[in-house]
Amino acid sequence: LDEDNGTTAVDAQEISEGEYHIGGS
């Protein structure tokens, strides 16, 4: 929200029922 760098969309990986995670910079 501070700089106009666009939007990044990432798919989360399911690790258990109802729980998801994403790793990265």
mmCIF file of all heavy atoms, coordinates in Angstrom:
data_MODEL
# 
_entry.id   MODEL 
# 
loop_
_atom_site.group_PDB 
_atom_site.id 
_atom_site.type_symbol 
_atom_site.label_atom_id 
_atom_site.label_alt_id 
_atom_site.label_comp_id 
_atom_site.label_asym_id 
_atom_site.label_entity_id 
_atom_site.label_seq_id 
_atom_site.pdbx_PDB_ins_code 
_atom_site.Cartn_x 
_atom_site.Cartn_y 
_atom_site.Cartn_z 
_atom_site.occupancy 
_atom_site.B_iso_or_equiv 
_atom_site.pdbx_formal_charge 
_atom_site.auth_seq_id 
_atom_site.auth_comp_id 
_atom_site.auth_asym_id 
_atom_site.auth_atom_id 
_atom_site.pdbx_PDB_model_num 
ATOM 1   N N   . LEU A 1 1  ? 0.804   -1.222  0.000  1.00 0.00 ? 1  LEU A N   1 
ATOM 2   C CA  . LEU A 1 1  ? 0.000   0.000   0.000  1.00 0.00 ? 1  LEU A CA  1 
ATOM 3   C C   . LEU A 1 1  ? 0.832   1.264   0.000  1.00 0.00 ? 1  LEU A C   1 
ATOM 4   O O   . LEU A 1 1  ? 0.293   2.355   -0.206 1.00 0.00 ? 1  LEU A O   1 
ATOM 5   C CB  . LEU A 1 1  ? -0.936  0.000   1.219  1.00 0.00 ? 1  LEU A CB  1 
ATOM 6   C CG  . LEU A 1 1  ? -1.953  -1.147  1.272  1.00 0.00 ? 1  LEU A CG  1 
ATOM 7   C CD1 . LEU A 1 1  ? -2.793  -1.055  2.534  1.00 0.00 ? 1  LEU A CD1 1 
ATOM 8   C CD2 . LEU A 1 1  ? -2.845  -1.142  0.042  1.00 0.00 ? 1  LEU A CD2 1 
ATOM 9   N N   . ASP A 1 2  ? 2.134   1.157   0.208  1.00 0.00 ? 2  ASP A N   1 
ATOM 10  C CA  . ASP A 1 2  ? 2.998   2.331   0.248  1.00 0.00 ? 2  ASP A CA  1 
ATOM 11  C C   . ASP A 1 2  ? 3.630   2.630   -1.106 1.00 0.00 ? 2  ASP A C   1 
ATOM 12  O O   . ASP A 1 2  ? 3.948   3.781   -1.394 1.00 0.00 ? 2  ASP A O   1 
ATOM 13  C CB  . ASP A 1 2  ? 4.097   2.139   1.302  1.00 0.00 ? 2  ASP A CB  1 
ATOM 14  C CG  . ASP A 1 2  ? 3.524   1.986   2.707  1.00 0.00 ? 2  ASP A CG  1 
ATOM 15  O OD1 . ASP A 1 2  ? 2.527   2.661   2.993  1.00 0.00 ? 2  ASP A OD1 1 
ATOM 16  O OD2 . ASP A 1 2  ? 4.071   1.200   3.491  1.00 0.00 ? 2  ASP A OD2 1 
ATOM 17  N N   . GLU A 1 3  ? 3.819   1.616   -1.921 1.00 0.00 ? 3  GLU A N   1 
ATOM 18  C CA  . GLU A 1 3  ? 4.432   1.794   -3.231 1.00 0.00 ? 3  GLU A CA  1 
ATOM 19  C C   . GLU A 1 3  ? 3.626   1.030   -4.275 1.00 0.00 ? 3  GLU A C   1 
ATOM 20  O O   . GLU A 1 3  ? 3.045   -0.018  -3.985 1.00 0.00 ? 3  GLU A O   1 
ATOM 21  C CB  . GLU A 1 3  ? 5.890   1.312   -3.230 1.00 0.00 ? 3  GLU A CB  1 
ATOM 22  C CG  . GLU A 1 3  ? 6.775   2.086   -2.272 1.00 0.00 ? 3  GLU A CG  1 
ATOM 23  C CD  . GLU A 1 3  ? 8.249   1.788   -2.504 1.00 0.00 ? 3  GLU A CD  1 
ATOM 24  O OE1 . GLU A 1 3  ? 8.569   1.194   -3.537 1.00 0.00 ? 3  GLU A OE1 1 
ATOM 25  O OE2 . GLU A 1 3  ? 9.056   2.162   -1.639 1.00 0.00 ? 3  GLU A OE2 1 
ATOM 26  N N   . ASP A 1 4  ? 3.621   1.583   -5.482 1.00 0.00 ? 4  ASP A N   1 
ATOM 27  C CA  . ASP A 1 4  ? 2.838   0.989   -6.563 1.00 0.00 ? 4  ASP A CA  1 
ATOM 28  C C   . ASP A 1 4  ? 3.669   -0.087  -7.254 1.00 0.00 ? 4  ASP A C   1 
ATOM 29  O O   . ASP A 1 4  ? 4.264   0.137   -8.296 1.00 0.00 ? 4  ASP A O   1 
ATOM 30  C CB  . ASP A 1 4  ? 2.425   2.083   -7.554 1.00 0.00 ? 4  ASP A CB  1 
ATOM 31  C CG  . ASP A 1 4  ? 1.483   1.551   -8.624 1.00 0.00 ? 4  ASP A CG  1 
ATOM 32  O OD1 . ASP A 1 4  ? 0.979   0.426   -8.461 1.00 0.00 ? 4  ASP A OD1 1 
ATOM 33  O OD2 . ASP A 1 4  ? 1.259   2.257   -9.621 1.00 0.00 ? 4  ASP A OD2 1 
ATOM 34  N N   . ASN A 1 5  ? 3.687   -1.277  -6.660 1.00 0.00 ? 5  ASN A N   1 
ATOM 35  C CA  . ASN A 1 5  ? 4.444   -2.396  -7.220 1.00 0.00 ? 5  ASN A CA  1 
ATOM 36  C C   . ASN A 1 5  ? 3.545   -3.488  -7.778 1.00 0.00 ? 5  ASN A C   1 
ATOM 37  O O   . ASN A 1 5  ? 4.023   -4.590  -8.074 1.00 0.00 ? 5  ASN A O   1 
ATOM 38  C CB  . ASN A 1 5  ? 5.365   -3.000  -6.141 1.00 0.00 ? 5  ASN A CB  1 
ATOM 39  C CG  . ASN A 1 5  ? 6.468   -2.043  -5.749 1.00 0.00 ? 5  ASN A CG  1 
ATOM 40  O OD1 . ASN A 1 5  ? 6.898   -1.219  -6.547 1.00 0.00 ? 5  ASN A OD1 1 
ATOM 41  N ND2 . ASN A 1 5  ? 6.920   -2.130  -4.510 1.00 0.00 ? 5  ASN A ND2 1 
ATOM 42  N N   . GLY A 1 6  ? 2.258   -3.215  -7.901 1.00 0.00 ? 6  GLY A N   1 
ATOM 43  C CA  . GLY A 1 6  ? 1.352   -4.224  -8.425 1.00 0.00 ? 6  GLY A CA  1 
ATOM 44  C C   . GLY A 1 6  ? 0.935   -5.226  -7.355 1.00 0.00 ? 6  GLY A C   1 
ATOM 45  O O   . GLY A 1 6  ? 1.255   -5.093  -6.170 1.00 0.00 ? 6  GLY A O   1 
ATOM 46  N N   . THR A 1 7  ? 0.211   -6.226  -7.797 1.00 0.00 ? 7  THR A N   1 
ATOM 47  C CA  . THR A 1 7  ? -0.311  -7.268  -6.911 1.00 0.00 ? 7  THR A CA  1 
ATOM 48  C C   . THR A 1 7  ? 0.285   -8.608  -7.295 1.00 0.00 ? 7  THR A C   1 
ATOM 49  O O   . THR A 1 7  ? 0.367   -8.939  -8.480 1.00 0.00 ? 7  THR A O   1 
ATOM 50  C CB  . THR A 1 7  ? -1.843  -7.327  -6.996 1.00 0.00 ? 7  THR A CB  1 
ATOM 51  O OG1 . THR A 1 7  ? -2.387  -6.071  -6.594 1.00 0.00 ? 7  THR A OG1 1 
ATOM 52  C CG2 . THR A 1 7  ? -2.397  -8.422  -6.109 1.00 0.00 ? 7  THR A CG2 1 
ATOM 53  N N   . THR A 1 8  ? 0.682   -9.377  -6.282 1.00 0.00 ? 8  THR A N   1 
ATOM 54  C CA  . THR A 1 8  ? 1.218   -10.718 -6.478 1.00 0.00 ? 8  THR A CA  1 
ATOM 55  C C   . THR A 1 8  ? 0.210   -11.737 -5.973 1.00 0.00 ? 8  THR A C   1 
ATOM 56  O O   . THR A 1 8  ? -0.277  -11.618 -4.840 1.00 0.00 ? 8  THR A O   1 
ATOM 57  C CB  . THR A 1 8  ? 2.549   -10.901 -5.730 1.00 0.00 ? 8  THR A CB  1 
ATOM 58  O OG1 . THR A 1 8  ? 3.477   -9.910  -6.181 1.00 0.00 ? 8  THR A OG1 1 
ATOM 59  C CG2 . THR A 1 8  ? 3.135   -12.281 -5.978 1.00 0.00 ? 8  THR A CG2 1 
ATOM 60  N N   . ALA A 1 9  ? -0.133  -12.716 -6.814 1.00 0.00 ? 9  ALA A N   1 
ATOM 61  C CA  . ALA A 1 9  ? -1.082  -13.768 -6.426 1.00 0.00 ? 9  ALA A CA  1 
ATOM 62  C C   . ALA A 1 9  ? -0.336  -15.096 -6.337 1.00 0.00 ? 9  ALA A C   1 
ATOM 63  O O   . ALA A 1 9  ? 0.423   -15.458 -7.248 1.00 0.00 ? 9  ALA A O   1 
ATOM 64  C CB  . ALA A 1 9  ? -2.216  -13.863 -7.433 1.00 0.00 ? 9  ALA A CB  1 
ATOM 65  N N   . VAL A 1 10 ? -0.552  -15.818 -5.221 1.00 0.00 ? 10 VAL A N   1 
ATOM 66  C CA  . VAL A 1 10 ? 0.146   -17.080 -4.974 1.00 0.00 ? 10 VAL A CA  1 
ATOM 67  C C   . VAL A 1 10 ? -0.860  -18.111 -4.486 1.00 0.00 ? 10 VAL A C   1 
ATOM 68  O O   . VAL A 1 10 ? -1.729  -17.800 -3.646 1.00 0.00 ? 10 VAL A O   1 
ATOM 69  C CB  . VAL A 1 10 ? 1.269   -16.911 -3.921 1.00 0.00 ? 10 VAL A CB  1 
ATOM 70  C CG1 . VAL A 1 10 ? 2.113   -18.183 -3.844 1.00 0.00 ? 10 VAL A CG1 1 
ATOM 71  C CG2 . VAL A 1 10 ? 2.122   -15.694 -4.218 1.00 0.00 ? 10 VAL A CG2 1 
ATOM 72  N N   . ASP A 1 11 ? -0.740  -19.349 -4.991 1.00 0.00 ? 11 ASP A N   1 
ATOM 73  C CA  . ASP A 1 11 ? -1.574  -20.445 -4.505 1.00 0.00 ? 11 ASP A CA  1 
ATOM 74  C C   . ASP A 1 11 ? -0.952  -21.040 -3.248 1.00 0.00 ? 11 ASP A C   1 
ATOM 75  O O   . ASP A 1 11 ? 0.246   -21.344 -3.215 1.00 0.00 ? 11 ASP A O   1 
ATOM 76  C CB  . ASP A 1 11 ? -1.691  -21.539 -5.566 1.00 0.00 ? 11 ASP A CB  1 
ATOM 77  C CG  . ASP A 1 11 ? -2.740  -21.201 -6.606 1.00 0.00 ? 11 ASP A CG  1 
ATOM 78  O OD1 . ASP A 1 11 ? -3.304  -20.103 -6.529 1.00 0.00 ? 11 ASP A OD1 1 
ATOM 79  O OD2 . ASP A 1 11 ? -2.973  -22.033 -7.513 1.00 0.00 ? 11 ASP A OD2 1 
ATOM 80  N N   . ALA A 1 12 ? -1.771  -21.203 -2.217 1.00 0.00 ? 12 ALA A N   1 
ATOM 81  C CA  . ALA A 1 12 ? -1.302  -21.817 -0.974 1.00 0.00 ? 12 ALA A CA  1 
ATOM 82  C C   . ALA A 1 12 ? -1.358  -23.344 -1.087 1.00 0.00 ? 12 ALA A C   1 
ATOM 83  O O   . ALA A 1 12 ? -2.232  -23.901 -1.766 1.00 0.00 ? 12 ALA A O   1 
ATOM 84  C CB  . ALA A 1 12 ? -2.141  -21.330 0.202  1.00 0.00 ? 12 ALA A CB  1 
ATOM 85  N N   . GLN A 1 13 ? -0.411  -23.982 -0.415 1.00 0.00 ? 13 GLN A N   1 
ATOM 86  C CA  . GLN A 1 13 ? -0.346  -25.449 -0.403 1.00 0.00 ? 13 GLN A CA  1 
ATOM 87  C C   . GLN A 1 13 ? -1.014  -25.970 0.867  1.00 0.00 ? 13 GLN A C   1 
ATOM 88  O O   . GLN A 1 13 ? -0.741  -25.490 1.973  1.00 0.00 ? 13 GLN A O   1 
ATOM 89  C CB  . GLN A 1 13 ? 1.111   -25.908 -0.468 1.00 0.00 ? 13 GLN A CB  1 
ATOM 90  C CG  . GLN A 1 13 ? 1.881   -25.395 -1.670 1.00 0.00 ? 13 GLN A CG  1 
ATOM 91  C CD  . GLN A 1 13 ? 1.311   -25.898 -2.977 1.00 0.00 ? 13 GLN A CD  1 
ATOM 92  O OE1 . GLN A 1 13 ? 0.937   -27.074 -3.084 1.00 0.00 ? 13 GLN A OE1 1 
ATOM 93  N NE2 . GLN A 1 13 ? 1.229   -25.012 -3.970 1.00 0.00 ? 13 GLN A NE2 1 
ATOM 94  N N   . GLU A 1 14 ? -1.872  -26.997 0.709  1.00 0.00 ? 14 GLU A N   1 
ATOM 95  C CA  . GLU A 1 14 ? -2.567  -27.575 1.852  1.00 0.00 ? 14 GLU A CA  1 
ATOM 96  C C   . GLU A 1 14 ? -1.621  -28.477 2.634  1.00 0.00 ? 14 GLU A C   1 
ATOM 97  O O   . GLU A 1 14 ? -0.943  -29.347 2.055  1.00 0.00 ? 14 GLU A O   1 
ATOM 98  C CB  . GLU A 1 14 ? -3.790  -28.359 1.394  1.00 0.00 ? 14 GLU A CB  1 
ATOM 99  C CG  . GLU A 1 14 ? -4.646  -28.848 2.546  1.00 0.00 ? 14 GLU A CG  1 
ATOM 100 C CD  . GLU A 1 14 ? -5.929  -29.502 2.071  1.00 0.00 ? 14 GLU A CD  1 
ATOM 101 O OE1 . GLU A 1 14 ? -6.046  -29.771 0.853  1.00 0.00 ? 14 GLU A OE1 1 
ATOM 102 O OE2 . GLU A 1 14 ? -6.814  -29.735 2.917  1.00 0.00 ? 14 GLU A OE2 1 
ATOM 103 N N   . ILE A 1 15 ? -1.516  -28.263 3.919  1.00 0.00 ? 15 ILE A N   1 
ATOM 104 C CA  . ILE A 1 15 ? -0.666  -29.102 4.767  1.00 0.00 ? 15 ILE A CA  1 
ATOM 105 C C   . ILE A 1 15 ? -1.493  -30.029 5.654  1.00 0.00 ? 15 ILE A C   1 
ATOM 106 O O   . ILE A 1 15 ? -1.000  -31.045 6.121  1.00 0.00 ? 15 ILE A O   1 
ATOM 107 C CB  . ILE A 1 15 ? 0.287   -28.242 5.627  1.00 0.00 ? 15 ILE A CB  1 
ATOM 108 C CG1 . ILE A 1 15 ? -0.494  -27.207 6.453  1.00 0.00 ? 15 ILE A CG1 1 
ATOM 109 C CG2 . ILE A 1 15 ? 1.328   -27.561 4.753  1.00 0.00 ? 15 ILE A CG2 1 
ATOM 110 C CD1 . ILE A 1 15 ? 0.386   -26.366 7.368  1.00 0.00 ? 15 ILE A CD1 1 
ATOM 111 N N   . SER A 1 16 ? -2.735  -29.674 5.921  1.00 0.00 ? 16 SER A N   1 
ATOM 112 C CA  . SER A 1 16 ? -3.676  -30.535 6.631  1.00 0.00 ? 16 SER A CA  1 
ATOM 113 C C   . SER A 1 16 ? -5.067  -29.985 6.357  1.00 0.00 ? 16 SER A C   1 
ATOM 114 O O   . SER A 1 16 ? -5.211  -28.928 5.718  1.00 0.00 ? 16 SER A O   1 
ATOM 115 C CB  . SER A 1 16 ? -3.380  -30.579 8.138  1.00 0.00 ? 16 SER A CB  1 
ATOM 116 O OG  . SER A 1 16 ? -3.539  -29.299 8.718  1.00 0.00 ? 16 SER A OG  1 
ATOM 117 N N   . GLU A 1 17 ? -6.094  -30.656 6.825  1.00 0.00 ? 17 GLU A N   1 
ATOM 118 C CA  . GLU A 1 17 ? -7.447  -30.208 6.531  1.00 0.00 ? 17 GLU A CA  1 
ATOM 119 C C   . GLU A 1 17 ? -7.693  -28.807 7.098  1.00 0.00 ? 17 GLU A C   1 
ATOM 120 O O   . GLU A 1 17 ? -7.575  -28.579 8.304  1.00 0.00 ? 17 GLU A O   1 
ATOM 121 C CB  . GLU A 1 17 ? -8.464  -31.185 7.126  1.00 0.00 ? 17 GLU A CB  1 
ATOM 122 C CG  . GLU A 1 17 ? -9.894  -30.847 6.733  1.00 0.00 ? 17 GLU A CG  1 
ATOM 123 C CD  . GLU A 1 17 ? -10.881 -31.852 7.280  1.00 0.00 ? 17 GLU A CD  1 
ATOM 124 O OE1 . GLU A 1 17 ? -10.457 -32.849 7.922  1.00 0.00 ? 17 GLU A OE1 1 
ATOM 125 O OE2 . GLU A 1 17 ? -12.098 -31.633 7.094  1.00 0.00 ? 17 GLU A OE2 1 
ATOM 126 N N   . GLY A 1 18 ? -7.971  -27.881 6.205  1.00 0.00 ? 18 GLY A N   1 
ATOM 127 C CA  . GLY A 1 18 ? -8.261  -26.510 6.603  1.00 0.00 ? 18 GLY A CA  1 
ATOM 128 C C   . GLY A 1 18 ? -7.040  -25.655 6.861  1.00 0.00 ? 18 GLY A C   1 
ATOM 129 O O   . GLY A 1 18 ? -7.180  -24.473 7.207  1.00 0.00 ? 18 GLY A O   1 
ATOM 130 N N   . GLU A 1 19 ? -5.830  -26.218 6.705  1.00 0.00 ? 19 GLU A N   1 
ATOM 131 C CA  . GLU A 1 19 ? -4.600  -25.454 6.944  1.00 0.00 ? 19 GLU A CA  1 
ATOM 132 C C   . GLU A 1 19 ? -3.745  -25.429 5.680  1.00 0.00 ? 19 GLU A C   1 
ATOM 133 O O   . GLU A 1 19 ? -3.565  -26.465 5.027  1.00 0.00 ? 19 GLU A O   1 
ATOM 134 C CB  . GLU A 1 19 ? -3.816  -26.056 8.106  1.00 0.00 ? 19 GLU A CB  1 
ATOM 135 C CG  . GLU A 1 19 ? -4.530  -25.952 9.441  1.00 0.00 ? 19 GLU A CG  1 
ATOM 136 C CD  . GLU A 1 19 ? -3.663  -26.421 10.591 1.00 0.00 ? 19 GLU A CD  1 
ATOM 137 O OE1 . GLU A 1 19 ? -2.545  -26.937 10.329 1.00 0.00 ? 19 GLU A OE1 1 
ATOM 138 O OE2 . GLU A 1 19 ? -4.078  -26.254 11.755 1.00 0.00 ? 19 GLU A OE2 1 
ATOM 139 N N   . TYR A 1 20 ? -3.199  -24.199 5.409  1.00 0.00 ? 20 TYR A N   1 
ATOM 140 C CA  . TYR A 1 20 ? -2.432  -23.998 4.172  1.00 0.00 ? 20 TYR A CA  1 
ATOM 141 C C   . TYR A 1 20 ? -1.199  -23.152 4.508  1.00 0.00 ? 20 TYR A C   1 
ATOM 142 O O   . TYR A 1 20 ? -1.176  -22.428 5.515  1.00 0.00 ? 20 TYR A O   1 
ATOM 143 C CB  . TYR A 1 20 ? -3.284  -23.275 3.127  1.00 0.00 ? 20 TYR A CB  1 
ATOM 144 C CG  . TYR A 1 20 ? -4.585  -23.989 2.821  1.00 0.00 ? 20 TYR A CG  1 
ATOM 145 C CD1 . TYR A 1 20 ? -5.698  -23.811 3.654  1.00 0.00 ? 20 TYR A CD1 1 
ATOM 146 C CD2 . TYR A 1 20 ? -4.691  -24.829 1.726  1.00 0.00 ? 20 TYR A CD2 1 
ATOM 147 C CE1 . TYR A 1 20 ? -6.891  -24.474 3.391  1.00 0.00 ? 20 TYR A CE1 1 
ATOM 148 C CE2 . TYR A 1 20 ? -5.891  -25.488 1.454  1.00 0.00 ? 20 TYR A CE2 1 
ATOM 149 C CZ  . TYR A 1 20 ? -6.983  -25.305 2.293  1.00 0.00 ? 20 TYR A CZ  1 
ATOM 150 O OH  . TYR A 1 20 ? -8.150  -25.962 2.033  1.00 0.00 ? 20 TYR A OH  1 
ATOM 151 N N   . HIS A 1 21 ? -0.189  -23.237 3.628  1.00 0.00 ? 21 HIS A N   1 
ATOM 152 C CA  . HIS A 1 21 ? 1.005   -22.423 3.860  1.00 0.00 ? 21 HIS A CA  1 
ATOM 153 C C   . HIS A 1 21 ? 1.611   -22.001 2.520  1.00 0.00 ? 21 HIS A C   1 
ATOM 154 O O   . HIS A 1 21 ? 1.380   -22.631 1.478  1.00 0.00 ? 21 HIS A O   1 
ATOM 155 C CB  . HIS A 1 21 ? 2.026   -23.181 4.706  1.00 0.00 ? 21 HIS A CB  1 
ATOM 156 C CG  . HIS A 1 21 ? 2.974   -24.015 3.892  1.00 0.00 ? 21 HIS A CG  1 
ATOM 157 N ND1 . HIS A 1 21 ? 2.599   -25.172 3.230  1.00 0.00 ? 21 HIS A ND1 1 
ATOM 158 C CD2 . HIS A 1 21 ? 4.300   -23.837 3.621  1.00 0.00 ? 21 HIS A CD2 1 
ATOM 159 C CE1 . HIS A 1 21 ? 3.627   -25.679 2.593  1.00 0.00 ? 21 HIS A CE1 1 
ATOM 160 N NE2 . HIS A 1 21 ? 4.674   -24.897 2.805  1.00 0.00 ? 21 HIS A NE2 1 
ATOM 161 N N   . ILE A 1 22 ? 2.397   -20.898 2.599  1.00 0.00 ? 22 ILE A N   1 
ATOM 162 C CA  . ILE A 1 22 ? 3.152   -20.352 1.452  1.00 0.00 ? 22 ILE A CA  1 
ATOM 163 C C   . ILE A 1 22 ? 4.520   -19.947 1.974  1.00 0.00 ? 22 ILE A C   1 
ATOM 164 O O   . ILE A 1 22 ? 4.622   -19.357 3.064  1.00 0.00 ? 22 ILE A O   1 
ATOM 165 C CB  . ILE A 1 22 ? 2.451   -19.129 0.825  1.00 0.00 ? 22 ILE A CB  1 
ATOM 166 C CG1 . ILE A 1 22 ? 1.075   -19.498 0.285  1.00 0.00 ? 22 ILE A CG1 1 
ATOM 167 C CG2 . ILE A 1 22 ? 3.307   -18.503 -0.286 1.00 0.00 ? 22 ILE A CG2 1 
ATOM 168 C CD1 . ILE A 1 22 ? 0.250   -18.298 -0.161 1.00 0.00 ? 22 ILE A CD1 1 
ATOM 169 N N   . GLY A 1 23 ? 5.549   -20.219 1.241  1.00 0.00 ? 23 GLY A N   1 
ATOM 170 C CA  . GLY A 1 23 ? 6.887   -19.757 1.601  1.00 0.00 ? 23 GLY A CA  1 
ATOM 171 C C   . GLY A 1 23 ? 7.492   -18.935 0.476  1.00 0.00 ? 23 GLY A C   1 
ATOM 172 O O   . GLY A 1 23 ? 7.328   -19.270 -0.704 1.00 0.00 ? 23 GLY A O   1 
ATOM 173 N N   . GLY A 1 24 ? 8.179   -17.839 0.815  1.00 0.00 ? 24 GLY A N   1 
ATOM 174 C CA  . GLY A 1 24 ? 8.810   -17.021 -0.219 1.00 0.00 ? 24 GLY A CA  1 
ATOM 175 C C   . GLY A 1 24 ? 9.043   -15.593 0.237  1.00 0.00 ? 24 GLY A C   1 
ATOM 176 O O   . GLY A 1 24 ? 8.617   -15.184 1.320  1.00 0.00 ? 24 GLY A O   1 
ATOM 177 N N   . SER A 1 25 ? 9.702   -14.824 -0.614 1.00 0.00 ? 25 SER A N   1 
ATOM 178 C CA  . SER A 1 25 ? 10.042  -13.422 -0.304 1.00 0.00 ? 25 SER A CA  1 
ATOM 179 C C   . SER A 1 25 ? 8.989   -12.497 -0.896 1.00 0.00 ? 25 SER A C   1 
ATOM 180 O O   . SER A 1 25 ? 9.302   -11.611 -1.712 1.00 0.00 ? 25 SER A O   1 
ATOM 181 C CB  . SER A 1 25 ? 11.438  -13.085 -0.840 1.00 0.00 ? 25 SER A CB  1 
ATOM 182 O OG  . SER A 1 25 ? 12.411  -13.925 -0.296 1.00 0.00 ? 25 SER A OG  1 
# 
